[in-house]
């Protein structure tokens, strides 16, 4: 059975993103702490990501390392950033059902 981690990032705080959430998520994949790592951008984090070049660069690094990056479509549309997130290679979709499925599958879920 593979070790699967889902990191749900909802915070609009750039310091939290830079000093914890992004660092841990990328290293969870690169260091092999988990076989599969999924990063979910949800809520105010969508707006923050669209506006911060440094964070966009870190998402590129996550994608290159094999992290699956997803974003909540409803939130992205609310903040008018859906097309920008999609252009970054992020799978922008309604996340209620996928997150519920992740929980039912027994994936480990961290929320920030």
C-alpha atoms as a PDB file:
ATOM      1  CA  UNK A   1       0.000   0.000   0.000  1.00  0.00           C
ATOM      2  CA  UNK A   2       1.430   3.359  -0.992  1.00  0.00           C
ATOM      3  CA  UNK A   3       1.765   6.249   1.405  1.00  0.00           C
ATOM      4  CA  UNK A   4      -0.405   9.105   0.183  1.00  0.00           C
ATOM      5  CA  UNK A   5      -0.425  12.661   1.521  1.00  0.00           C
ATOM      6  CA  UNK A   6      -2.836  15.467   0.692  1.00  0.00           C
ATOM      7  CA  UNK A   7      -1.879  18.974   1.799  1.00  0.00           C
ATOM      8  CA  UNK A   8      -4.832  21.379   1.782  1.00  0.00           C
ATOM      9  CA  UNK A   9      -3.595  24.973   1.751  1.00  0.00           C
ATOM     10  CA  UNK A  10      -6.255  27.538   2.642  1.00  0.00           C
ATOM     11  CA  UNK A  11      -4.270  30.296   4.328  1.00  0.00           C
ATOM     12  CA  UNK A  12      -3.781  33.680   2.720  1.00  0.00           C
ATOM     13  CA  UNK A  13      -0.682  34.270   4.862  1.00  0.00           C
ATOM     14  CA  UNK A  14       2.450  34.388   2.660  1.00  0.00           C
ATOM     15  CA  UNK A  15       4.815  33.758   5.573  1.00  0.00           C
ATOM     16  CA  UNK A  16       3.073  30.508   6.480  1.00  0.00           C
ATOM     17  CA  UNK A  17       3.223  29.441   2.835  1.00  0.00           C
ATOM     18  CA  UNK A  18       6.921  30.210   2.405  1.00  0.00           C
ATOM     19  CA  UNK A  19       8.265  28.992   5.740  1.00  0.00           C
ATOM     20  CA  UNK A  20       6.214  25.846   6.223  1.00  0.00           C
ATOM     21  CA  UNK A  21       3.549  24.701   3.771  1.00  0.00           C
ATOM     22  CA  UNK A  22       5.491  24.836   0.513  1.00  0.00           C
ATOM     23  CA  UNK A  23       8.752  23.654   2.029  1.00  0.00           C
ATOM     24  CA  UNK A  24       7.154  20.625   3.671  1.00  0.00           C
ATOM     25  CA  UNK A  25       5.030  19.683   0.670  1.00  0.00           C
ATOM     26  CA  UNK A  26       7.942  19.745  -1.771  1.00  0.00           C
ATOM     27  CA  UNK A  27      10.236  17.828   0.560  1.00  0.00           C
ATOM     28  CA  UNK A  28       7.568  15.234   1.357  1.00  0.00           C
ATOM     29  CA  UNK A  29       7.824  14.257  -2.307  1.00  0.00           C
ATOM     30  CA  UNK A  30      11.512  14.875  -3.003  1.00  0.00           C
ATOM     31  CA  UNK A  31      12.721  13.115   0.140  1.00  0.00           C
ATOM     32  CA  UNK A  32      10.364  10.175  -0.390  1.00  0.00           C
ATOM     33  CA  UNK A  33       8.486  10.673   2.884  1.00  0.00           C
ATOM     34  CA  UNK A  34       5.340   9.819   0.906  1.00  0.00           C
ATOM     35  CA  UNK A  35       4.952   7.984  -2.384  1.00  0.00           C
ATOM     36  CA  UNK A  36       2.199  10.286  -3.607  1.00  0.00           C
ATOM     37  CA  UNK A  37       1.759  13.923  -2.629  1.00  0.00           C
ATOM     38  CA  UNK A  38      -1.212  16.054  -3.638  1.00  0.00           C
ATOM     39  CA  UNK A  39      -1.275  19.799  -2.962  1.00  0.00           C
ATOM     40  CA  UNK A  40      -4.699  21.475  -2.919  1.00  0.00           C
ATOM     41  CA  UNK A  41      -5.044  25.256  -3.214  1.00  0.00           C
ATOM     42  CA  UNK A  42      -8.339  26.266  -1.616  1.00  0.00           C
ATOM     43  CA  UNK A  43      -9.848  29.559  -0.455  1.00  0.00           C
ATOM     44  CA  UNK A  44      -7.714  32.700   0.003  1.00  0.00           C
ATOM     45  CA  UNK A  45      -4.574  30.795  -0.931  1.00  0.00           C
ATOM     46  CA  UNK A  46      -5.741  30.891  -4.577  1.00  0.00           C
ATOM     47  CA  UNK A  47      -5.606  34.682  -4.622  1.00  0.00           C
ATOM     48  CA  UNK A  48      -2.255  34.709  -2.817  1.00  0.00           C
ATOM     49  CA  UNK A  49      -0.711  32.220  -5.237  1.00  0.00           C
ATOM     50  CA  UNK A  50      -1.867  34.168  -8.282  1.00  0.00           C
ATOM     51  CA  UNK A  51      -0.271  37.339  -6.928  1.00  0.00           C
ATOM     52  CA  UNK A  52       3.080  36.040  -5.633  1.00  0.00           C
ATOM     53  CA  UNK A  53       5.788  35.199  -8.184  1.00  0.00           C
ATOM     54  CA  UNK A  54       7.938  33.459  -5.563  1.00  0.00           C
ATOM     55  CA  UNK A  55       5.083  31.118  -4.670  1.00  0.00           C
ATOM     56  CA  UNK A  56       4.348  30.421  -8.339  1.00  0.00           C
ATOM     57  CA  UNK A  57       8.006  29.423  -8.765  1.00  0.00           C
ATOM     58  CA  UNK A  58       7.676  27.036  -5.833  1.00  0.00           C
ATOM     59  CA  UNK A  59       4.566  25.467  -7.360  1.00  0.00           C
ATOM     60  CA  UNK A  60       6.586  24.929 -10.555  1.00  0.00           C
ATOM     61  CA  UNK A  61       9.184  23.099  -8.442  1.00  0.00           C
ATOM     62  CA  UNK A  62       6.440  20.954  -6.894  1.00  0.00           C
ATOM     63  CA  UNK A  63       5.071  20.039 -10.319  1.00  0.00           C
ATOM     64  CA  UNK A  64       8.569  19.181 -11.570  1.00  0.00           C
ATOM     65  CA  UNK A  65       9.107  16.930  -8.538  1.00  0.00           C
ATOM     66  CA  UNK A  66       5.874  15.031  -9.241  1.00  0.00           C
ATOM     67  CA  UNK A  67       3.515  16.644  -6.737  1.00  0.00           C
ATOM     68  CA  UNK A  68      -0.071  16.661  -8.016  1.00  0.00           C
ATOM     69  CA  UNK A  69      -1.310  20.257  -7.704  1.00  0.00           C
ATOM     70  CA  UNK A  70      -5.039  20.986  -7.678  1.00  0.00           C
ATOM     71  CA  UNK A  71      -7.143  24.047  -6.899  1.00  0.00           C
ATOM     72  CA  UNK A  72     -10.758  24.590  -5.959  1.00  0.00           C
ATOM     73  CA  UNK A  73     -12.568  25.966  -9.007  1.00  0.00           C
ATOM     74  CA  UNK A  74     -15.253  27.730  -6.964  1.00  0.00           C
ATOM     75  CA  UNK A  75     -12.640  29.626  -4.966  1.00  0.00           C
ATOM     76  CA  UNK A  76     -10.514  30.394  -8.010  1.00  0.00           C
ATOM     77  CA  UNK A  77     -13.561  31.796  -9.790  1.00  0.00           C
ATOM     78  CA  UNK A  78     -14.528  33.812  -6.701  1.00  0.00           C
ATOM     79  CA  UNK A  79     -11.082  35.461  -6.740  1.00  0.00           C
ATOM     80  CA  UNK A  80     -11.036  35.641 -10.573  1.00  0.00           C
ATOM     81  CA  UNK A  81      -7.801  33.638 -10.839  1.00  0.00           C
ATOM     82  CA  UNK A  82      -8.971  30.332 -12.389  1.00  0.00           C
ATOM     83  CA  UNK A  83      -7.361  30.909 -15.784  1.00  0.00           C
ATOM     84  CA  UNK A  84      -4.106  32.064 -14.191  1.00  0.00           C
ATOM     85  CA  UNK A  85      -3.913  28.936 -12.028  1.00  0.00           C
ATOM     86  CA  UNK A  86      -4.726  26.723 -15.009  1.00  0.00           C
ATOM     87  CA  UNK A  87      -1.946  28.394 -17.018  1.00  0.00           C
ATOM     88  CA  UNK A  88       0.465  27.277 -14.280  1.00  0.00           C
ATOM     89  CA  UNK A  89      -0.437  23.639 -14.926  1.00  0.00           C
ATOM     90  CA  UNK A  90      -2.735  23.363 -11.910  1.00  0.00           C
ATOM     91  CA  UNK A  91      -5.812  21.145 -12.206  1.00  0.00           C
ATOM     92  CA  UNK A  92      -8.586  23.594 -11.295  1.00  0.00           C
ATOM     93  CA  UNK A  93     -11.781  21.713 -10.397  1.00  0.00           C
ATOM     94  CA  UNK A  94     -14.539  21.607  -7.828  1.00  0.00           C
ATOM     95  CA  UNK A  95     -12.837  19.990  -4.834  1.00  0.00           C
ATOM     96  CA  UNK A  96     -15.592  18.878  -2.446  1.00  0.00           C
ATOM     97  CA  UNK A  97     -16.008  15.449  -4.001  1.00  0.00           C
ATOM     98  CA  UNK A  98     -12.281  14.786  -4.607  1.00  0.00           C
ATOM     99  CA  UNK A  99     -11.365  15.741  -1.034  1.00  0.00           C
ATOM    100  CA  UNK A 100     -14.122  13.483   0.296  1.00  0.00           C
ATOM    101  CA  UNK A 101     -12.767  10.657  -1.846  1.00  0.00           C
ATOM    102  CA  UNK A 102      -9.235  11.245  -0.543  1.00  0.00           C
ATOM    103  CA  UNK A 103     -10.525  10.969   3.017  1.00  0.00           C
ATOM    104  CA  UNK A 104     -12.504   7.790   2.276  1.00  0.00           C
ATOM    105  CA  UNK A 105      -9.430   6.254   0.616  1.00  0.00           C
ATOM    106  CA  UNK A 106      -7.530   6.737   3.851  1.00  0.00           C
ATOM    107  CA  UNK A 107      -5.053   9.308   2.582  1.00  0.00           C
ATOM    108  CA  UNK A 108      -3.329  11.399   5.211  1.00  0.00           C
ATOM    109  CA  UNK A 109      -4.645  14.955   4.989  1.00  0.00           C
ATOM    110  CA  UNK A 110      -2.919  18.038   6.425  1.00  0.00           C
ATOM    111  CA  UNK A 111      -4.664  21.395   6.365  1.00  0.00           C
ATOM    112  CA  UNK A 112      -2.978  24.773   6.675  1.00  0.00           C
END
